[in-house]
């Protein structure tokens, strides 16, 4: 009733017996379910994958020297490069200090669900884990031909009950900005503002920037952590 559709037609949509819903129908469903911008875009791409144009496939998940030099110049923030699967492809010295000694730092989602220490590393672990799964769900709906993505979902589904629980919620949300609280036993709790930057020369890659307020306890803790982990990359 909320979408203005007949029960019979809506049933056919749910059962996959009508594979070409109109734009008007999708818009009505998005409004009825109160979907946000990311989830609405996800819905359109699922219903009309061909309408999104030819998918741009990067030659490889390689970070150019230009980008590497750029993130290394950021000596007062944790900066690292990720792809659509949230694989960590490169990180500056500050990020290396933050992740130093942790297992599964090749991928943010594997770190969150496969490393027991993650629940201490992320102070708001449940929120962070849910955001990562919602991002992965959005990517999986559009990029279903990526074998590495399928392997990642299979691995996490086998190894983590928490991942299975969050994956079953079907939340869809991109990772953009906000506050993030991290904890390292060496220096205590640190609060950062998170921002993401897109790399036009490498579609699919993004730069995560976690920055502490200058002079804040987090800024001091990060400086101490850099000294403690000097020499580690």
C-alpha atoms as a PDB file:
ATOM      1  CA  UNK A   1       0.000   0.000   0.000  1.00  0.00           C
ATOM      2  CA  UNK A   2       2.811   2.407   0.859  1.00  0.00           C
ATOM      3  CA  UNK A   3       4.393   1.935  -2.576  1.00  0.00           C
ATOM      4  CA  UNK A   4       1.077   2.037  -4.437  1.00  0.00           C
ATOM      5  CA  UNK A   5       1.574  -1.481  -5.849  1.00  0.00           C
ATOM      6  CA  UNK A   6      -0.809  -4.394  -6.013  1.00  0.00           C
ATOM      7  CA  UNK A   7      -0.042  -7.330  -3.725  1.00  0.00           C
ATOM      8  CA  UNK A   8       0.192  -9.628  -6.747  1.00  0.00           C
ATOM      9  CA  UNK A   9       2.775  -7.449  -8.540  1.00  0.00           C
ATOM     10  CA  UNK A  10       4.802  -6.936  -5.372  1.00  0.00           C
ATOM     11  CA  UNK A  11       4.819 -10.708  -4.811  1.00  0.00           C
ATOM     12  CA  UNK A  12       6.141 -11.232  -8.350  1.00  0.00           C
ATOM     13  CA  UNK A  13       8.922  -8.735  -7.638  1.00  0.00           C
ATOM     14  CA  UNK A  14       9.906 -10.496  -4.414  1.00  0.00           C
ATOM     15  CA  UNK A  15       9.953 -13.876  -6.151  1.00  0.00           C
ATOM     16  CA  UNK A  16      12.003 -12.595  -9.078  1.00  0.00           C
ATOM     17  CA  UNK A  17       9.221 -13.240 -11.616  1.00  0.00           C
ATOM     18  CA  UNK A  18       9.292  -9.661 -12.894  1.00  0.00           C
ATOM     19  CA  UNK A  19      12.854  -8.812 -13.865  1.00  0.00           C
ATOM     20  CA  UNK A  20      12.283  -5.310 -15.231  1.00  0.00           C
ATOM     21  CA  UNK A  21      10.593  -3.008 -12.719  1.00  0.00           C
ATOM     22  CA  UNK A  22      10.211   0.557 -13.920  1.00  0.00           C
ATOM     23  CA  UNK A  23      12.054   3.538 -12.487  1.00  0.00           C
ATOM     24  CA  UNK A  24       8.768   4.735 -10.992  1.00  0.00           C
ATOM     25  CA  UNK A  25       8.276   1.421  -9.189  1.00  0.00           C
ATOM     26  CA  UNK A  26      11.829   1.488  -7.798  1.00  0.00           C
ATOM     27  CA  UNK A  27      11.370   5.064  -6.616  1.00  0.00           C
ATOM     28  CA  UNK A  28       8.110   4.108  -4.880  1.00  0.00           C
ATOM     29  CA  UNK A  29       9.772   1.144  -3.169  1.00  0.00           C
ATOM     30  CA  UNK A  30      12.730   3.256  -2.061  1.00  0.00           C
ATOM     31  CA  UNK A  31      10.333   5.773  -0.525  1.00  0.00           C
ATOM     32  CA  UNK A  32       8.189   3.088   1.121  1.00  0.00           C
ATOM     33  CA  UNK A  33      11.224   1.428   2.702  1.00  0.00           C
ATOM     34  CA  UNK A  34      12.697   4.831   3.621  1.00  0.00           C
ATOM     35  CA  UNK A  35      16.004   3.927   1.955  1.00  0.00           C
ATOM     36  CA  UNK A  36      18.931   6.308   2.159  1.00  0.00           C
ATOM     37  CA  UNK A  37      20.897   7.506  -0.902  1.00  0.00           C
ATOM     38  CA  UNK A  38      23.371   4.583  -0.844  1.00  0.00           C
ATOM     39  CA  UNK A  39      20.664   1.946  -0.453  1.00  0.00           C
ATOM     40  CA  UNK A  40      18.520   3.573  -3.170  1.00  0.00           C
ATOM     41  CA  UNK A  41      21.435   3.558  -5.622  1.00  0.00           C
ATOM     42  CA  UNK A  42      22.092  -0.073  -4.684  1.00  0.00           C
ATOM     43  CA  UNK A  43      18.445  -0.939  -5.434  1.00  0.00           C
ATOM     44  CA  UNK A  44      18.591   0.685  -8.877  1.00  0.00           C
ATOM     45  CA  UNK A  45      21.843  -1.088  -9.754  1.00  0.00           C
ATOM     46  CA  UNK A  46      20.464  -4.458  -8.678  1.00  0.00           C
ATOM     47  CA  UNK A  47      17.317  -3.993 -10.765  1.00  0.00           C
ATOM     48  CA  UNK A  48      19.010  -2.492 -13.842  1.00  0.00           C
ATOM     49  CA  UNK A  49      22.705  -3.462 -13.822  1.00  0.00           C
ATOM     50  CA  UNK A  50      23.104  -2.716 -17.529  1.00  0.00           C
ATOM     51  CA  UNK A  51      21.840   0.835 -17.115  1.00  0.00           C
ATOM     52  CA  UNK A  52      24.866   1.763 -15.028  1.00  0.00           C
ATOM     53  CA  UNK A  53      27.082   1.734 -18.090  1.00  0.00           C
ATOM     54  CA  UNK A  54      30.153  -0.362 -18.668  1.00  0.00           C
ATOM     55  CA  UNK A  55      31.866  -1.128 -15.398  1.00  0.00           C
ATOM     56  CA  UNK A  56      35.280   0.421 -15.082  1.00  0.00           C
ATOM     57  CA  UNK A  57      37.751  -2.263 -14.052  1.00  0.00           C
ATOM     58  CA  UNK A  58      41.111  -1.049 -12.729  1.00  0.00           C
ATOM     59  CA  UNK A  59      44.135  -2.637 -14.339  1.00  0.00           C
ATOM     60  CA  UNK A  60      45.219  -3.752 -10.870  1.00  0.00           C
ATOM     61  CA  UNK A  61      44.971  -2.721  -7.260  1.00  0.00           C
ATOM     62  CA  UNK A  62      48.216  -0.840  -7.566  1.00  0.00           C
ATOM     63  CA  UNK A  63      48.956   2.483  -5.933  1.00  0.00           C
ATOM     64  CA  UNK A  64      50.975   4.869  -8.058  1.00  0.00           C
ATOM     65  CA  UNK A  65      54.208   6.428  -6.824  1.00  0.00           C
ATOM     66  CA  UNK A  66      52.501   9.805  -7.018  1.00  0.00           C
ATOM     67  CA  UNK A  67      49.819   8.689  -4.552  1.00  0.00           C
ATOM     68  CA  UNK A  68      52.418   7.048  -2.309  1.00  0.00           C
ATOM     69  CA  UNK A  69      54.365  10.294  -2.115  1.00  0.00           C
ATOM     70  CA  UNK A  70      51.146  12.163  -1.390  1.00  0.00           C
ATOM     71  CA  UNK A  71      50.138  10.022   1.597  1.00  0.00           C
ATOM     72  CA  UNK A  72      53.692   9.993   3.012  1.00  0.00           C
ATOM     73  CA  UNK A  73      53.655  13.808   3.182  1.00  0.00           C
ATOM     74  CA  UNK A  74      50.743  13.519   5.632  1.00  0.00           C
ATOM     75  CA  UNK A  75      52.866  13.119   8.760  1.00  0.00           C
ATOM     76  CA  UNK A  76      50.231  14.212  11.302  1.00  0.00           C
ATOM     77  CA  UNK A  77      47.362  11.862  10.318  1.00  0.00           C
ATOM     78  CA  UNK A  78      46.791   8.156   9.730  1.00  0.00           C
ATOM     79  CA  UNK A  79      46.408   7.826   5.958  1.00  0.00           C
ATOM     80  CA  UNK A  80      45.968   4.647   3.955  1.00  0.00           C
ATOM     81  CA  UNK A  81      44.666   3.556   0.554  1.00  0.00           C
ATOM     82  CA  UNK A  82      41.912   0.959   0.124  1.00  0.00           C
ATOM     83  CA  UNK A  83      40.071  -0.617  -2.789  1.00  0.00           C
ATOM     84  CA  UNK A  84      36.367  -1.453  -3.001  1.00  0.00           C
ATOM     85  CA  UNK A  85      36.880  -4.601  -0.875  1.00  0.00           C
ATOM     86  CA  UNK A  86      38.596  -2.467   1.806  1.00  0.00           C
ATOM     87  CA  UNK A  87      41.927  -4.180   1.170  1.00  0.00           C
ATOM     88  CA  UNK A  88      44.643  -1.942   2.625  1.00  0.00           C
ATOM     89  CA  UNK A  89      46.979  -1.338  -0.324  1.00  0.00           C
ATOM     90  CA  UNK A  90      49.308   1.300   1.147  1.00  0.00           C
ATOM     91  CA  UNK A  91      49.682   3.285   4.346  1.00  0.00           C
ATOM     92  CA  UNK A  92      51.802   6.122   5.615  1.00  0.00           C
ATOM     93  CA  UNK A  93      54.091   5.953   8.660  1.00  0.00           C
ATOM     94  CA  UNK A  94      51.356   7.089  11.057  1.00  0.00           C
ATOM     95  CA  UNK A  95      48.934   4.400   9.862  1.00  0.00           C
ATOM     96  CA  UNK A  96      51.730   1.834  10.035  1.00  0.00           C
ATOM     97  CA  UNK A  97      52.234   2.802  13.697  1.00  0.00           C
ATOM     98  CA  UNK A  98      48.511   2.449  14.434  1.00  0.00           C
ATOM     99  CA  UNK A  99      48.268  -1.010  12.811  1.00  0.00           C
ATOM    100  CA  UNK A 100      51.672  -2.207  14.000  1.00  0.00           C
ATOM    101  CA  UNK A 101      51.605  -5.718  15.485  1.00  0.00           C
ATOM    102  CA  UNK A 102      47.989  -6.436  14.535  1.00  0.00           C
ATOM    103  CA  UNK A 103      47.066  -9.511  12.531  1.00  0.00           C
ATOM    104  CA  UNK A 104      44.922  -9.393   9.354  1.00  0.00           C
ATOM    105  CA  UNK A 105      45.845  -5.794   8.478  1.00  0.00           C
ATOM    106  CA  UNK A 106      45.620  -6.652   4.776  1.00  0.00           C
ATOM    107  CA  UNK A 107      41.873  -5.952   4.884  1.00  0.00           C
ATOM    108  CA  UNK A 108      39.799  -3.819   7.263  1.00  0.00           C
ATOM    109  CA  UNK A 109      36.900  -6.278   7.373  1.00  0.00           C
ATOM    110  CA  UNK A 110      39.104  -9.319   7.959  1.00  0.00           C
ATOM    111  CA  UNK A 111      40.790  -7.379  10.757  1.00  0.00           C
ATOM    112  CA  UNK A 112      37.427  -6.528  12.321  1.00  0.00           C
ATOM    113  CA  UNK A 113      36.036 -10.072  12.311  1.00  0.00           C
ATOM    114  CA  UNK A 114      38.997 -12.458  12.344  1.00  0.00           C
ATOM    115  CA  UNK A 115      41.253 -10.760  14.895  1.00  0.00           C
ATOM    116  CA  UNK A 116      39.950 -11.003  18.493  1.00  0.00           C
ATOM    117  CA  UNK A 117      42.001  -7.907  19.391  1.00  0.00           C
ATOM    118  CA  UNK A 118      39.793  -5.876  17.022  1.00  0.00           C
ATOM    119  CA  UNK A 119      37.150  -5.499  19.742  1.00  0.00           C
ATOM    120  CA  UNK A 120      39.731  -3.626  21.799  1.00  0.00           C
ATOM    121  CA  UNK A 121      41.281  -1.777  18.847  1.00  0.00           C
ATOM    122  CA  UNK A 122      37.931  -0.281  17.786  1.00  0.00           C
ATOM    123  CA  UNK A 123      36.279   1.158  20.892  1.00  0.00           C
ATOM    124  CA  UNK A 124      32.902   1.153  19.094  1.00  0.00           C
ATOM    125  CA  UNK A 125      33.483  -2.254  17.512  1.00  0.00           C
ATOM    126  CA  UNK A 126      29.843  -3.123  16.790  1.00  0.00           C
ATOM    127  CA  UNK A 127      29.278   0.172  14.965  1.00  0.00           C
ATOM    128  CA  UNK A 128      32.491  -0.166  12.972  1.00  0.00           C
ATOM    129  CA  UNK A 129      31.823  -3.803  12.088  1.00  0.00           C
ATOM    130  CA  UNK A 130      28.264  -3.020  10.951  1.00  0.00           C
ATOM    131  CA  UNK A 131      29.495  -0.123   8.785  1.00  0.00           C
ATOM    132  CA  UNK A 132      32.091  -2.347   7.114  1.00  0.00           C
ATOM    133  CA  UNK A 133      29.556  -5.088   6.387  1.00  0.00           C
ATOM    134  CA  UNK A 134      27.075  -2.544   5.003  1.00  0.00           C
ATOM    135  CA  UNK A 135      29.824  -1.267   2.688  1.00  0.00           C
ATOM    136  CA  UNK A 136      30.677  -4.805   1.576  1.00  0.00           C
ATOM    137  CA  UNK A 137      26.995  -5.575   0.921  1.00  0.00           C
ATOM    138  CA  UNK A 138      26.734  -2.493  -1.308  1.00  0.00           C
ATOM    139  CA  UNK A 139      29.835  -3.515  -3.259  1.00  0.00           C
ATOM    140  CA  UNK A 140      28.766  -7.149  -3.572  1.00  0.00           C
ATOM    141  CA  UNK A 141      25.441  -6.189  -5.117  1.00  0.00           C
ATOM    142  CA  UNK A 142      27.116  -4.269  -7.937  1.00  0.00           C
ATOM    143  CA  UNK A 143      30.372  -6.169  -8.444  1.00  0.00           C
ATOM    144  CA  UNK A 144      29.146  -9.767  -8.304  1.00  0.00           C
ATOM    145  CA  UNK A 145      31.764 -10.960 -10.823  1.00  0.00           C
ATOM    146  CA  UNK A 146      34.751 -10.183  -8.584  1.00  0.00           C
ATOM    147  CA  UNK A 147      36.115 -13.597  -7.482  1.00  0.00           C
ATOM    148  CA  UNK A 148      38.205 -12.045  -4.695  1.00  0.00           C
ATOM    149  CA  UNK A 149      35.110 -10.369  -3.283  1.00  0.00           C
ATOM    150  CA  UNK A 150      33.211 -13.668  -3.303  1.00  0.00           C
ATOM    151  CA  UNK A 151      36.135 -15.387  -1.588  1.00  0.00           C
ATOM    152  CA  UNK A 152      36.203 -12.696   1.086  1.00  0.00           C
ATOM    153  CA  UNK A 153      32.486 -13.074   1.815  1.00  0.00           C
ATOM    154  CA  UNK A 154      32.805 -16.888   1.899  1.00  0.00           C
ATOM    155  CA  UNK A 155      35.787 -16.751   4.261  1.00  0.00           C
ATOM    156  CA  UNK A 156      34.110 -14.342   6.660  1.00  0.00           C
ATOM    157  CA  UNK A 157      30.855 -16.316   6.545  1.00  0.00           C
ATOM    158  CA  UNK A 158      32.693 -19.504   7.496  1.00  0.00           C
ATOM    159  CA  UNK A 159      34.892 -18.022  10.197  1.00  0.00           C
ATOM    160  CA  UNK A 160      32.747 -15.397  11.936  1.00  0.00           C
ATOM    161  CA  UNK A 161      29.318 -15.766  13.490  1.00  0.00           C
ATOM    162  CA  UNK A 162      29.178 -11.992  13.970  1.00  0.00           C
ATOM    163  CA  UNK A 163      29.761 -11.458  10.250  1.00  0.00           C
ATOM    164  CA  UNK A 164      26.957 -13.892   9.376  1.00  0.00           C
ATOM    165  CA  UNK A 165      24.643 -12.031  11.763  1.00  0.00           C
ATOM    166  CA  UNK A 166      25.396  -8.608  10.284  1.00  0.00           C
ATOM    167  CA  UNK A 167      25.473  -9.869   6.694  1.00  0.00           C
ATOM    168  CA  UNK A 168      21.949 -11.268   7.130  1.00  0.00           C
ATOM    169  CA  UNK A 169      20.664  -7.773   7.960  1.00  0.00           C
ATOM    170  CA  UNK A 170      21.221  -6.665   4.327  1.00  0.00           C
ATOM    171  CA  UNK A 171      22.218  -3.151   5.394  1.00  0.00           C
ATOM    172  CA  UNK A 172      23.640  -1.024   2.564  1.00  0.00           C
ATOM    173  CA  UNK A 173      25.775   2.006   3.359  1.00  0.00           C
ATOM    174  CA  UNK A 174      28.980   3.544   2.015  1.00  0.00           C
ATOM    175  CA  UNK A 175      32.013   4.541   4.102  1.00  0.00           C
ATOM    176  CA  UNK A 176      32.512   8.303   3.921  1.00  0.00           C
ATOM    177  CA  UNK A 177      33.159  10.285   7.073  1.00  0.00           C
ATOM    178  CA  UNK A 178      32.587  10.511  10.807  1.00  0.00           C
ATOM    179  CA  UNK A 179      34.360  10.028  14.121  1.00  0.00           C
ATOM    180  CA  UNK A 180      36.268   6.880  14.997  1.00  0.00           C
ATOM    181  CA  UNK A 181      37.687   5.845  18.374  1.00  0.00           C
ATOM    182  CA  UNK A 182      40.722   3.563  18.497  1.00  0.00           C
ATOM    183  CA  UNK A 183      42.594   2.046  21.414  1.00  0.00           C
ATOM    184  CA  UNK A 184      46.180   0.876  21.688  1.00  0.00           C
ATOM    185  CA  UNK A 185      47.403  -0.515  25.002  1.00  0.00           C
ATOM    186  CA  UNK A 186      50.629   1.493  24.666  1.00  0.00           C
ATOM    187  CA  UNK A 187      48.929   4.906  24.571  1.00  0.00           C
ATOM    188  CA  UNK A 188      45.242   4.443  25.445  1.00  0.00           C
ATOM    189  CA  UNK A 189      42.159   5.683  23.587  1.00  0.00           C
ATOM    190  CA  UNK A 190      42.349   8.038  20.593  1.00  0.00           C
ATOM    191  CA  UNK A 191      39.529   9.834  18.771  1.00  0.00           C
ATOM    192  CA  UNK A 192      39.917  10.727  15.083  1.00  0.00           C
ATOM    193  CA  UNK A 193      37.800  12.411  12.451  1.00  0.00           C
ATOM    194  CA  UNK A 194      37.544  10.187   9.370  1.00  0.00           C
ATOM    195  CA  UNK A 195      37.365  11.477   5.800  1.00  0.00           C
ATOM    196  CA  UNK A 196      37.626   9.616   2.493  1.00  0.00           C
ATOM    197  CA  UNK A 197      39.129  10.956  -0.728  1.00  0.00           C
ATOM    198  CA  UNK A 198      38.581   9.468  -4.167  1.00  0.00           C
ATOM    199  CA  UNK A 199      41.477   9.004  -6.580  1.00  0.00           C
ATOM    200  CA  UNK A 200      40.377  10.078 -10.056  1.00  0.00           C
ATOM    201  CA  UNK A 201      43.386   8.448 -11.705  1.00  0.00           C
ATOM    202  CA  UNK A 202      42.535   5.079 -10.099  1.00  0.00           C
ATOM    203  CA  UNK A 203      38.771   4.421 -10.087  1.00  0.00           C
ATOM    204  CA  UNK A 204      37.782   2.187  -7.212  1.00  0.00           C
ATOM    205  CA  UNK A 205      40.617   3.283  -4.924  1.00  0.00           C
ATOM    206  CA  UNK A 206      40.084   5.675  -2.035  1.00  0.00           C
ATOM    207  CA  UNK A 207      42.241   7.344   0.590  1.00  0.00           C
ATOM    208  CA  UNK A 208      41.136   7.097   4.219  1.00  0.00           C
ATOM    209  CA  UNK A 209      42.334   9.999   6.375  1.00  0.00           C
ATOM    210  CA  UNK A 210      41.994   9.689  10.167  1.00  0.00           C
ATOM    211  CA  UNK A 211      43.080  12.971  11.736  1.00  0.00           C
ATOM    212  CA  UNK A 212      43.354  13.980  15.369  1.00  0.00           C
ATOM    213  CA  UNK A 213      42.676  17.521  16.526  1.00  0.00           C
ATOM    214  CA  UNK A 214      46.069  19.262  16.931  1.00  0.00           C
ATOM    215  CA  UNK A 215      47.087  19.397  20.570  1.00  0.00           C
ATOM    216  CA  UNK A 216      44.383  16.923  21.627  1.00  0.00           C
ATOM    217  CA  UNK A 217      45.089  13.814  23.756  1.00  0.00           C
ATOM    218  CA  UNK A 218      44.756  11.730  20.576  1.00  0.00           C
ATOM    219  CA  UNK A 219      47.373  13.860  18.841  1.00  0.00           C
ATOM    220  CA  UNK A 220      49.785  13.395  21.757  1.00  0.00           C
ATOM    221  CA  UNK A 221      49.071   9.661  21.924  1.00  0.00           C
ATOM    222  CA  UNK A 222      49.700   9.291  18.212  1.00  0.00           C
ATOM    223  CA  UNK A 223      53.031  11.107  18.512  1.00  0.00           C
ATOM    224  CA  UNK A 224      54.035   8.761  21.330  1.00  0.00           C
ATOM    225  CA  UNK A 225      52.952   5.720  19.301  1.00  0.00           C
ATOM    226  CA  UNK A 226      55.062   6.850  16.353  1.00  0.00           C
ATOM    227  CA  UNK A 227      58.118   6.994  18.611  1.00  0.00           C
ATOM    228  CA  UNK A 228      57.388   3.578  20.149  1.00  0.00           C
ATOM    229  CA  UNK A 229      57.035   1.941  16.750  1.00  0.00           C
ATOM    230  CA  UNK A 230      59.849   3.833  14.998  1.00  0.00           C
ATOM    231  CA  UNK A 231      61.461   1.668  12.373  1.00  0.00           C
ATOM    232  CA  UNK A 232      58.328  -0.438  11.730  1.00  0.00           C
ATOM    233  CA  UNK A 233      56.602  -0.043   8.342  1.00  0.00           C
END
